[in-house]
PDB file of N, CA and C in Angstrom:
ATOM      1  N   MET A   1       0.840  -1.215  -0.076  1.00  0.00           N
ATOM      2  CA  MET A   1      -0.041   0.087  -0.024  1.00  0.00           C
ATOM      3  C   MET A   1       0.873   1.212  -0.024  1.00  0.00           C
ATOM      4  N   SER A   2       0.329   2.279  -0.679  1.00  0.00           N
ATOM      5  CA  SER A   2       1.245   3.608  -0.818  1.00  0.00           C
ATOM      6  C   SER A   2       1.135   4.380   0.403  1.00  0.00           C
ATOM      7  N   SER A   3       2.229   4.883   1.042  1.00  0.00           N
ATOM      8  CA  SER A   3       2.122   5.629   2.304  1.00  0.00           C
ATOM      9  C   SER A   3       1.632   7.030   1.788  1.00  0.00           C
ATOM     10  N   GLU A   4       1.743   7.500   0.580  1.00  0.00           N
ATOM     11  CA  GLU A   4       1.292   8.861   0.123  1.00  0.00           C
ATOM     12  C   GLU A   4       0.043   8.945  -0.167  1.00  0.00           C
ATOM     13  N   HIS A   5      -0.626   7.671  -0.559  1.00  0.00           N
ATOM     14  CA  HIS A   5      -1.980   7.608  -1.022  1.00  0.00           C
ATOM     15  C   HIS A   5      -2.700   6.464  -0.299  1.00  0.00           C
ATOM     16  N   PRO A   6      -3.152   6.407   0.940  1.00  0.00           N
ATOM     17  CA  PRO A   6      -3.775   5.441   1.740  1.00  0.00           C
ATOM     18  C   PRO A   6      -4.770   4.587   0.916  1.00  0.00           C
ATOM     19  N   GLY A   7      -4.715   3.270   0.924  1.00  0.00           N
ATOM     20  CA  GLY A   7      -5.802   2.530   0.309  1.00  0.00           C
ATOM     21  C   GLY A   7      -5.459   2.244  -1.273  1.00  0.00           C
ATOM     22  N   LEU A   8      -4.338   2.682  -1.714  1.00  0.00           N
ATOM     23  CA  LEU A   8      -3.824   2.537  -3.117  1.00  0.00           C
ATOM     24  C   LEU A   8      -2.707   1.512  -3.075  1.00  0.00           C
ATOM     25  N   ASP A   9      -2.857   0.418  -3.779  1.00  0.00           N
ATOM     26  CA  ASP A   9      -1.743  -0.667  -3.876  1.00  0.00           C
ATOM     27  C   ASP A   9      -1.388  -0.696  -5.406  1.00  0.00           C
ATOM     28  N   VAL A  10      -0.111  -0.517  -5.512  1.00  0.00           N
ATOM     29  CA  VAL A  10       0.487  -0.679  -6.886  1.00  0.00           C
ATOM     30  C   VAL A  10       1.381  -1.970  -7.070  1.00  0.00           C
ATOM     31  N   THR A  11       1.120  -2.732  -8.071  1.00  0.00           N
ATOM     32  CA  THR A  11       1.848  -3.975  -8.177  1.00  0.00           C
ATOM     33  C   THR A  11       2.303  -4.049  -9.737  1.00  0.00           C
ATOM     34  N   ASP A  12       3.378  -4.790 -10.004  1.00  0.00           N
ATOM     35  CA  ASP A  12       3.800  -5.064 -11.281  1.00  0.00           C
ATOM     36  C   ASP A  12       3.339  -6.298 -11.818  1.00  0.00           C
ATOM     37  N   ASN A  13       2.443  -6.247 -12.771  1.00  0.00           N
ATOM     38  CA  ASN A  13       1.950  -7.436 -13.471  1.00  0.00           C
ATOM     39  C   ASN A  13       2.861  -7.805 -14.717  1.00  0.00           C
ATOM     40  N   GLU A  14       3.787  -8.509 -14.311  1.00  0.00           N
ATOM     41  CA  GLU A  14       4.866  -8.891 -15.361  1.00  0.00           C
ATOM     42  C   GLU A  14       4.370  -9.508 -16.427  1.00  0.00           C
ATOM     43  N   ALA A  15       3.431 -10.464 -16.295  1.00  0.00           N
ATOM     44  CA  ALA A  15       2.575 -11.193 -17.264  1.00  0.00           C
ATOM     45  C   ALA A  15       1.869 -10.357 -18.391  1.00  0.00           C
ATOM     46  N   LYS A  16       1.468  -9.240 -17.898  1.00  0.00           N
ATOM     47  CA  LYS A  16       0.707  -8.312 -18.719  1.00  0.00           C
ATOM     48  C   LYS A  16       1.612  -7.046 -19.109  1.00  0.00           C
ATOM     49  N   SER A  17       2.849  -7.073 -18.579  1.00  0.00           N
ATOM     50  CA  SER A  17       3.660  -5.806 -18.889  1.00  0.00           C
ATOM     51  C   SER A  17       3.173  -4.502 -18.409  1.00  0.00           C
ATOM     52  N   ARG A  18       2.718  -4.465 -17.200  1.00  0.00           N
ATOM     53  CA  ARG A  18       2.055  -3.195 -16.768  1.00  0.00           C
ATOM     54  C   ARG A  18       2.079  -3.205 -15.279  1.00  0.00           C
ATOM     55  N   TYR A  19       2.198  -1.956 -14.806  1.00  0.00           N
ATOM     56  CA  TYR A  19       2.076  -1.711 -13.331  1.00  0.00           C
ATOM     57  C   TYR A  19       0.412  -1.391 -13.203  1.00  0.00           C
ATOM     58  N   GLU A  20      -0.158  -1.970 -12.139  1.00  0.00           N
ATOM     59  CA  GLU A  20      -1.491  -1.948 -11.840  1.00  0.00           C
ATOM     60  C   GLU A  20      -1.796  -1.243 -10.543  1.00  0.00           C
ATOM     61  N   ALA A  21      -2.702  -0.272 -10.625  1.00  0.00           N
ATOM     62  CA  ALA A  21      -2.882   0.374  -9.305  1.00  0.00           C
ATOM     63  C   ALA A  21      -4.408  -0.017  -8.903  1.00  0.00           C
ATOM     64  N   ALA A  22      -4.569  -0.404  -7.591  1.00  0.00           N
ATOM     65  CA  ALA A  22      -5.975  -0.677  -7.203  1.00  0.00           C
ATOM     66  C   ALA A  22      -6.263   0.185  -5.953  1.00  0.00           C
ATOM     67  N   LEU A  23      -7.303   0.826  -5.916  1.00  0.00           N
ATOM     68  CA  LEU A  23      -7.700   1.785  -4.787  1.00  0.00           C
ATOM     69  C   LEU A  23      -8.735   1.022  -4.001  1.00  0.00           C
ATOM     70  N   ASP A  24      -8.559   0.651  -2.711  1.00  0.00           N
ATOM     71  CA  ASP A  24      -9.419  -0.096  -1.928  1.00  0.00           C
ATOM     72  C   ASP A  24      -9.937  -1.256  -2.597  1.00  0.00           C
ATOM     73  N   GLY A  25      -8.987  -1.938  -3.296  1.00  0.00           N
ATOM     74  CA  GLY A  25      -9.301  -3.245  -3.808  1.00  0.00           C
ATOM     75  C   GLY A  25      -9.799  -3.243  -5.223  1.00  0.00           C
ATOM     76  N   ASP A  26     -10.290  -2.014  -5.779  1.00  0.00           N
ATOM     77  CA  ASP A  26     -10.804  -1.854  -7.138  1.00  0.00           C
ATOM     78  C   ASP A  26      -9.762  -1.241  -8.091  1.00  0.00           C
ATOM     79  N   PRO A  27      -9.840  -1.838  -9.373  1.00  0.00           N
ATOM     80  CA  PRO A  27      -8.849  -1.384 -10.304  1.00  0.00           C
ATOM     81  C   PRO A  27      -8.917   0.151 -10.469  1.00  0.00           C
ATOM     82  N   ALA A  28      -7.802   0.795 -10.624  1.00  0.00           N
ATOM     83  CA  ALA A  28      -7.851   2.362 -10.616  1.00  0.00           C
ATOM     84  C   ALA A  28      -6.867   2.810 -11.767  1.00  0.00           C
ATOM     85  N   GLY A  29      -6.122   1.998 -12.236  1.00  0.00           N
ATOM     86  CA  GLY A  29      -5.231   2.585 -13.343  1.00  0.00           C
ATOM     87  C   GLY A  29      -4.107   1.654 -13.606  1.00  0.00           C
ATOM     88  N   ILE A  30      -3.443   1.816 -14.852  1.00  0.00           N
ATOM     89  CA  ILE A  30      -2.266   0.956 -15.290  1.00  0.00           C
ATOM     90  C   ILE A  30      -1.183   1.985 -15.955  1.00  0.00           C
ATOM     91  N   ALA A  31       0.031   1.468 -15.936  1.00  0.00           N
ATOM     92  CA  ALA A  31       1.020   1.998 -16.639  1.00  0.00           C
ATOM     93  C   ALA A  31       1.719   0.866 -17.428  1.00  0.00           C
ATOM     94  N   ALA A  32       1.425   0.881 -18.696  1.00  0.00           N
ATOM     95  CA  ALA A  32       2.012  -0.235 -19.578  1.00  0.00           C
ATOM     96  C   ALA A  32       3.315  -0.105 -20.012  1.00  0.00           C
ATOM     97  N   TYR A  33       4.099  -1.126 -20.084  1.00  0.00           N
ATOM     98  CA  TYR A  33       5.427  -0.956 -20.485  1.00  0.00           C
ATOM     99  C   TYR A  33       6.005  -2.068 -21.346  1.00  0.00           C
ATOM    100  N   GLU A  34       7.113  -1.763 -22.038  1.00  0.00           N
ATOM    101  CA  GLU A  34       7.741  -2.886 -22.855  1.00  0.00           C
ATOM    102  C   GLU A  34       9.243  -2.979 -22.107  1.00  0.00           C
ATOM    103  N   LEU A  35       9.604  -4.237 -21.868  1.00  0.00           N
ATOM    104  CA  LEU A  35      10.882  -4.359 -21.177  1.00  0.00           C
ATOM    105  C   LEU A  35      11.869  -5.180 -22.055  1.00  0.00           C
ATOM    106  N   SER A  36      13.040  -4.451 -22.302  1.00  0.00           N
ATOM    107  CA  SER A  36      13.996  -5.136 -23.248  1.00  0.00           C
ATOM    108  C   SER A  36      15.392  -5.045 -22.637  1.00  0.00           C
ATOM    109  N   GLY A  37      15.981  -6.139 -22.144  1.00  0.00           N
ATOM    110  CA  GLY A  37      17.257  -6.057 -21.510  1.00  0.00           C
ATOM    111  C   GLY A  37      17.173  -5.068 -20.211  1.00  0.00           C
ATOM    112  N   ASP A  38      17.871  -4.092 -20.125  1.00  0.00           N
ATOM    113  CA  ASP A  38      17.911  -3.247 -19.055  1.00  0.00           C
ATOM    114  C   ASP A  38      17.304  -1.865 -19.297  1.00  0.00           C
ATOM    115  N   THR A  39      16.377  -1.913 -20.274  1.00  0.00           N
ATOM    116  CA  THR A  39      15.452  -0.725 -20.674  1.00  0.00           C
ATOM    117  C   THR A  39      14.046  -0.981 -20.476  1.00  0.00           C
ATOM    118  N   ILE A  40      13.364  -0.094 -19.994  1.00  0.00           N
ATOM    119  CA  ILE A  40      11.897  -0.102 -19.806  1.00  0.00           C
ATOM    120  C   ILE A  40      11.175   1.268 -20.427  1.00  0.00           C
ATOM    121  N   VAL A  41      10.414   0.745 -21.415  1.00  0.00           N
ATOM    122  CA  VAL A  41       9.739   1.794 -22.152  1.00  0.00           C
ATOM    123  C   VAL A  41       8.288   1.869 -21.811  1.00  0.00           C
ATOM    124  N   PHE A  42       8.002   3.085 -21.071  1.00  0.00           N
ATOM    125  CA  PHE A  42       6.645   3.237 -20.702  1.00  0.00           C
ATOM    126  C   PHE A  42       5.685   3.643 -21.803  1.00  0.00           C
ATOM    127  N   THR A  43       4.765   2.953 -22.326  1.00  0.00           N
ATOM    128  CA  THR A  43       4.072   3.164 -23.572  1.00  0.00           C
ATOM    129  C   THR A  43       2.659   4.057 -23.379  1.00  0.00           C
ATOM    130  N   HIS A  44       2.020   3.721 -22.308  1.00  0.00           N
ATOM    131  CA  HIS A  44       0.860   4.591 -22.065  1.00  0.00           C
ATOM    132  C   HIS A  44       0.413   4.256 -20.535  1.00  0.00           C
ATOM    133  N   THR A  45      -0.281   5.311 -20.051  1.00  0.00           N
ATOM    134  CA  THR A  45      -0.861   5.287 -18.685  1.00  0.00           C
ATOM    135  C   THR A  45      -2.303   5.590 -18.789  1.00  0.00           C
ATOM    136  N   VAL A  46      -3.257   4.861 -18.127  1.00  0.00           N
ATOM    137  CA  VAL A  46      -4.646   5.087 -17.980  1.00  0.00           C
ATOM    138  C   VAL A  46      -5.081   4.954 -16.501  1.00  0.00           C
ATOM    139  N   VAL A  47      -5.811   5.938 -16.108  1.00  0.00           N
ATOM    140  CA  VAL A  47      -6.372   6.048 -14.813  1.00  0.00           C
ATOM    141  C   VAL A  47      -7.920   6.179 -14.978  1.00  0.00           C
ATOM    142  N   ASP A  48      -8.567   5.359 -14.163  1.00  0.00           N
ATOM    143  CA  ASP A  48      -9.944   5.305 -14.239  1.00  0.00           C
ATOM    144  C   ASP A  48     -10.520   6.732 -14.085  1.00  0.00           C
ATOM    145  N   GLU A  49     -11.565   6.983 -14.813  1.00  0.00           N
ATOM    146  CA  GLU A  49     -12.073   8.442 -14.719  1.00  0.00           C
ATOM    147  C   GLU A  49     -12.678   8.792 -13.334  1.00  0.00           C
ATOM    148  N   ASP A  50     -13.171   7.804 -12.750  1.00  0.00           N
ATOM    149  CA  ASP A  50     -13.802   8.015 -11.397  1.00  0.00           C
ATOM    150  C   ASP A  50     -12.801   8.419 -10.241  1.00  0.00           C
ATOM    151  N   VAL A  51     -11.476   8.165 -10.621  1.00  0.00           N
ATOM    152  CA  VAL A  51     -10.436   8.598  -9.623  1.00  0.00           C
ATOM    153  C   VAL A  51      -9.444   9.719 -10.085  1.00  0.00           C
ATOM    154  N   GLU A  52      -9.727  10.169 -11.398  1.00  0.00           N
ATOM    155  CA  GLU A  52      -8.833  11.212 -11.920  1.00  0.00           C
ATOM    156  C   GLU A  52      -8.905  12.515 -11.001  1.00  0.00           C
ATOM    157  N   GLY A  53      -7.627  12.939 -10.967  1.00  0.00           N
ATOM    158  CA  GLY A  53      -7.516  14.113 -10.008  1.00  0.00           C
ATOM    159  C   GLY A  53      -7.177  13.853  -8.539  1.00  0.00           C
ATOM    160  N   ARG A  54      -7.028  12.637  -8.236  1.00  0.00           N
ATOM    161  CA  ARG A  54      -6.947  12.208  -6.808  1.00  0.00           C
ATOM    162  C   ARG A  54      -5.416  11.641  -6.573  1.00  0.00           C
ATOM    163  N   GLY A  55      -4.646  11.781  -7.518  1.00  0.00           N
ATOM    164  CA  GLY A  55      -3.237  11.517  -7.337  1.00  0.00           C
ATOM    165  C   GLY A  55      -2.774   9.983  -7.698  1.00  0.00           C
ATOM    166  N   VAL A  56      -3.793   9.368  -8.080  1.00  0.00           N
ATOM    167  CA  VAL A  56      -3.667   7.969  -8.467  1.00  0.00           C
ATOM    168  C   VAL A  56      -2.485   7.753  -9.487  1.00  0.00           C
ATOM    169  N   GLY A  57      -2.599   8.495 -10.696  1.00  0.00           N
ATOM    170  CA  GLY A  57      -1.616   8.449 -11.723  1.00  0.00           C
ATOM    171  C   GLY A  57      -0.223   8.714 -11.219  1.00  0.00           C
ATOM    172  N   SER A  58      -0.080   9.738 -10.440  1.00  0.00           N
ATOM    173  CA  SER A  58       1.157  10.222  -9.936  1.00  0.00           C
ATOM    174  C   SER A  58       1.831   9.164  -9.081  1.00  0.00           C
ATOM    175  N   THR A  59       0.888   8.674  -8.171  1.00  0.00           N
ATOM    176  CA  THR A  59       1.460   7.566  -7.298  1.00  0.00           C
ATOM    177  C   THR A  59       1.825   6.284  -8.043  1.00  0.00           C
ATOM    178  N   LEU A  60       1.141   5.978  -9.035  1.00  0.00           N
ATOM    179  CA  LEU A  60       1.419   4.805  -9.877  1.00  0.00           C
ATOM    180  C   LEU A  60       2.653   4.982 -10.617  1.00  0.00           C
ATOM    181  N   ILE A  61       2.945   6.102 -11.211  1.00  0.00           N
ATOM    182  CA  ILE A  61       4.221   6.336 -11.886  1.00  0.00           C
ATOM    183  C   ILE A  61       5.379   6.513 -10.960  1.00  0.00           C
ATOM    184  N   ARG A  62       5.109   7.147  -9.839  1.00  0.00           N
ATOM    185  CA  ARG A  62       6.140   7.268  -8.919  1.00  0.00           C
ATOM    186  C   ARG A  62       6.642   5.847  -8.534  1.00  0.00           C
ATOM    187  N   HIS A  63       5.752   4.946  -8.205  1.00  0.00           N
ATOM    188  CA  HIS A  63       6.024   3.545  -7.815  1.00  0.00           C
ATOM    189  C   HIS A  63       6.735   2.835  -8.980  1.00  0.00           C
ATOM    190  N   ALA A  64       6.227   2.895 -10.122  1.00  0.00           N
ATOM    191  CA  ALA A  64       6.958   2.401 -11.262  1.00  0.00           C
ATOM    192  C   ALA A  64       8.451   2.793 -11.533  1.00  0.00           C
ATOM    193  N   LEU A  65       8.499   4.147 -11.447  1.00  0.00           N
ATOM    194  CA  LEU A  65       9.929   4.660 -11.500  1.00  0.00           C
ATOM    195  C   LEU A  65      10.935   4.290 -10.465  1.00  0.00           C
ATOM    196  N   ASP A  66      10.320   4.172  -9.165  1.00  0.00           N
ATOM    197  CA  ASP A  66      11.124   3.668  -8.074  1.00  0.00           C
ATOM    198  C   ASP A  66      11.554   2.297  -8.256  1.00  0.00           C
ATOM    199  N   ASP A  67      10.660   1.621  -8.848  1.00  0.00           N
ATOM    200  CA  ASP A  67      11.046   0.106  -9.148  1.00  0.00           C
ATOM    201  C   ASP A  67      12.072   0.020 -10.181  1.00  0.00           C
ATOM    202  N   ALA A  68      11.978   0.763 -11.282  1.00  0.00           N
ATOM    203  CA  ALA A  68      12.871   0.973 -12.196  1.00  0.00           C
ATOM    204  C   ALA A  68      14.257   1.159 -11.712  1.00  0.00           C
ATOM    205  N   ARG A  69      14.365   2.113 -10.924  1.00  0.00           N
ATOM    206  CA  ARG A  69      15.659   2.631 -10.221  1.00  0.00           C
ATOM    207  C   ARG A  69      16.139   1.355  -9.371  1.00  0.00           C
ATOM    208  N   ASN A  70      15.375   0.807  -8.621  1.00  0.00           N
ATOM    209  CA  ASN A  70      15.919  -0.380  -7.820  1.00  0.00           C
ATOM    210  C   ASN A  70      16.406  -1.491  -8.735  1.00  0.00           C
ATOM    211  N   ARG A  71      15.829  -1.672  -9.913  1.00  0.00           N
ATOM    212  CA  ARG A  71      16.224  -2.704 -10.798  1.00  0.00           C
ATOM    213  C   ARG A  71      17.357  -2.235 -11.854  1.00  0.00           C
ATOM    214  N   HIS A  72      17.811  -0.992 -11.561  1.00  0.00           N
ATOM    215  CA  HIS A  72      18.832  -0.450 -12.466  1.00  0.00           C
ATOM    216  C   HIS A  72      18.482  -0.413 -13.852  1.00  0.00           C
ATOM    217  N   LEU A  73      17.188  -0.056 -14.099  1.00  0.00           N
ATOM    218  CA  LEU A  73      16.660   0.074 -15.513  1.00  0.00           C
ATOM    219  C   LEU A  73      16.849   1.415 -16.099  1.00  0.00           C
ATOM    220  N   THR A  74      17.111   1.525 -17.430  1.00  0.00           N
ATOM    221  CA  THR A  74      16.955   2.843 -18.020  1.00  0.00           C
ATOM    222  C   THR A  74      15.569   2.943 -18.552  1.00  0.00           C
ATOM    223  N   VAL A  75      14.973   4.347 -18.308  1.00  0.00           N
ATOM    224  CA  VAL A  75      13.590   4.428 -18.591  1.00  0.00           C
ATOM    225  C   VAL A  75      13.532   5.322 -19.944  1.00  0.00           C
ATOM    226  N   VAL A  76      12.599   4.914 -20.787  1.00  0.00           N
ATOM    227  CA  VAL A  76      12.218   5.686 -21.981  1.00  0.00           C
ATOM    228  C   VAL A  76      10.747   6.068 -21.895  1.00  0.00           C
ATOM    229  N   PRO A  77      10.481   7.412 -21.698  1.00  0.00           N
ATOM    230  CA  PRO A  77       9.084   7.715 -21.378  1.00  0.00           C
ATOM    231  C   PRO A  77       8.304   8.122 -22.750  1.00  0.00           C
ATOM    232  N   GLU A  78       7.893   7.110 -23.476  1.00  0.00           N
ATOM    233  CA  GLU A  78       7.092   7.392 -24.653  1.00  0.00           C
ATOM    234  C   GLU A  78       5.746   8.120 -24.328  1.00  0.00           C
ATOM    235  N   CYS A  79       5.183   7.554 -23.183  1.00  0.00           N
ATOM    236  CA  CYS A  79       3.886   7.978 -22.703  1.00  0.00           C
ATOM    237  C   CYS A  79       4.040   9.404 -22.245  1.00  0.00           C
ATOM    238  N   GLU A  80       3.121  10.330 -22.583  1.00  0.00           N
ATOM    239  CA  GLU A  80       3.162  11.761 -22.325  1.00  0.00           C
ATOM    240  C   GLU A  80       3.086  12.003 -20.818  1.00  0.00           C
ATOM    241  N   PHE A  81       2.172  11.098 -20.122  1.00  0.00           N
ATOM    242  CA  PHE A  81       2.010  11.364 -18.595  1.00  0.00           C
ATOM    243  C   PHE A  81       3.249  11.039 -18.019  1.00  0.00           C
ATOM    244  N   VAL A  82       3.961  10.039 -18.346  1.00  0.00           N
ATOM    245  CA  VAL A  82       5.267   9.634 -17.617  1.00  0.00           C
ATOM    246  C   VAL A  82       6.320  10.806 -17.930  1.00  0.00           C
ATOM    247  N   ALA A  83       6.307  11.213 -19.260  1.00  0.00           N
ATOM    248  CA  ALA A  83       7.370  12.171 -19.630  1.00  0.00           C
ATOM    249  C   ALA A  83       7.110  13.356 -18.762  1.00  0.00           C
ATOM    250  N   ALA A  84       5.765  13.902 -18.602  1.00  0.00           N
ATOM    251  CA  ALA A  84       5.508  15.164 -17.802  1.00  0.00           C
ATOM    252  C   ALA A  84       5.781  14.835 -16.430  1.00  0.00           C
ATOM    253  N   PHE A  85       5.556  13.702 -15.817  1.00  0.00           N
ATOM    254  CA  PHE A  85       5.883  13.391 -14.502  1.00  0.00           C
ATOM    255  C   PHE A  85       7.228  13.600 -14.178  1.00  0.00           C
ATOM    256  N   ILE A  86       8.179  13.026 -15.038  1.00  0.00           N
ATOM    257  CA  ILE A  86       9.692  13.189 -14.812  1.00  0.00           C
ATOM    258  C   ILE A  86      10.013  14.547 -15.198  1.00  0.00           C
ATOM    259  N   ASP A  87       9.617  15.384 -16.046  1.00  0.00           N
ATOM    260  CA  ASP A  87       9.704  16.742 -16.102  1.00  0.00           C
ATOM    261  C   ASP A  87       9.500  17.632 -14.795  1.00  0.00           C
ATOM    262  N   ASP A  88       8.465  17.198 -14.144  1.00  0.00           N
ATOM    263  CA  ASP A  88       8.025  17.848 -12.852  1.00  0.00           C
ATOM    264  C   ASP A  88       8.844  17.314 -11.805  1.00  0.00           C
ATOM    265  N   HIS A  89       9.504  16.200 -11.838  1.00  0.00           N
ATOM    266  CA  HIS A  89      10.171  15.576 -10.716  1.00  0.00           C
ATOM    267  C   HIS A  89      11.543  15.323 -11.131  1.00  0.00           C
ATOM    268  N   PRO A  90      12.421  16.358 -10.992  1.00  0.00           N
ATOM    269  CA  PRO A  90      13.786  16.053 -11.396  1.00  0.00           C
ATOM    270  C   PRO A  90      14.739  14.931 -10.703  1.00  0.00           C
ATOM    271  N   GLU A  91      14.219  14.453  -9.671  1.00  0.00           N
ATOM    272  CA  GLU A  91      14.855  13.435  -8.979  1.00  0.00           C
ATOM    273  C   GLU A  91      14.778  12.018  -9.776  1.00  0.00           C
ATOM    274  N   TYR A  92      13.913  12.072 -10.893  1.00  0.00           N
ATOM    275  CA  TYR A  92      13.803  10.980 -11.645  1.00  0.00           C
ATOM    276  C   TYR A  92      14.619  11.085 -13.107  1.00  0.00           C
ATOM    277  N   ARG A  93      15.068  12.246 -13.327  1.00  0.00           N
ATOM    278  CA  ARG A  93      15.755  12.523 -14.754  1.00  0.00           C
ATOM    279  C   ARG A  93      16.883  11.649 -14.856  1.00  0.00           C
ATOM    280  N   ASP A  94      17.592  11.239 -13.879  1.00  0.00           N
ATOM    281  CA  ASP A  94      18.783  10.485 -14.295  1.00  0.00           C
ATOM    282  C   ASP A  94      18.424   9.097 -14.756  1.00  0.00           C
ATOM    283  N   LEU A  95      17.214   8.761 -14.619  1.00  0.00           N
ATOM    284  CA  LEU A  95      16.724   7.323 -15.117  1.00  0.00           C
ATOM    285  C   LEU A  95      16.469   7.214 -16.578  1.00  0.00           C
ATOM    286  N   VAL A  96      16.390   8.540 -17.159  1.00  0.00           N
ATOM    287  CA  VAL A  96      16.030   8.617 -18.658  1.00  0.00           C
ATOM    288  C   VAL A  96      17.190   8.384 -19.501  1.00  0.00           C
ATOM    289  N   GLY A  97      17.124   7.522 -20.483  1.00  0.00           N
ATOM    290  CA  GLY A  97      18.211   7.180 -21.377  1.00  0.00           C
ATOM    291  C   GLY A  97      17.947   7.478 -22.791  1.00  0.00           C
TER     292      GLY A  97
END
């Protein structure tokens, strides 16, 4: 569960190549990716319209980028949401290759 967003759980569904967010057990969003070697390409992010504006997308991407850092992956932000998040959070810019 996310400490910055109580009730939000983010997991990496490797079989579907996406991070999944669930809010109080209900699906809330996904961040899809393609993994090749030591590079992760974020292709798109979708947040359920019922929870838009509540920080779900940002928490989802923060978790995914923290996981990429822990796994020593280079990030390619093809998704506009991920690219904008990285622009707004310079602590993640070193991940971009």
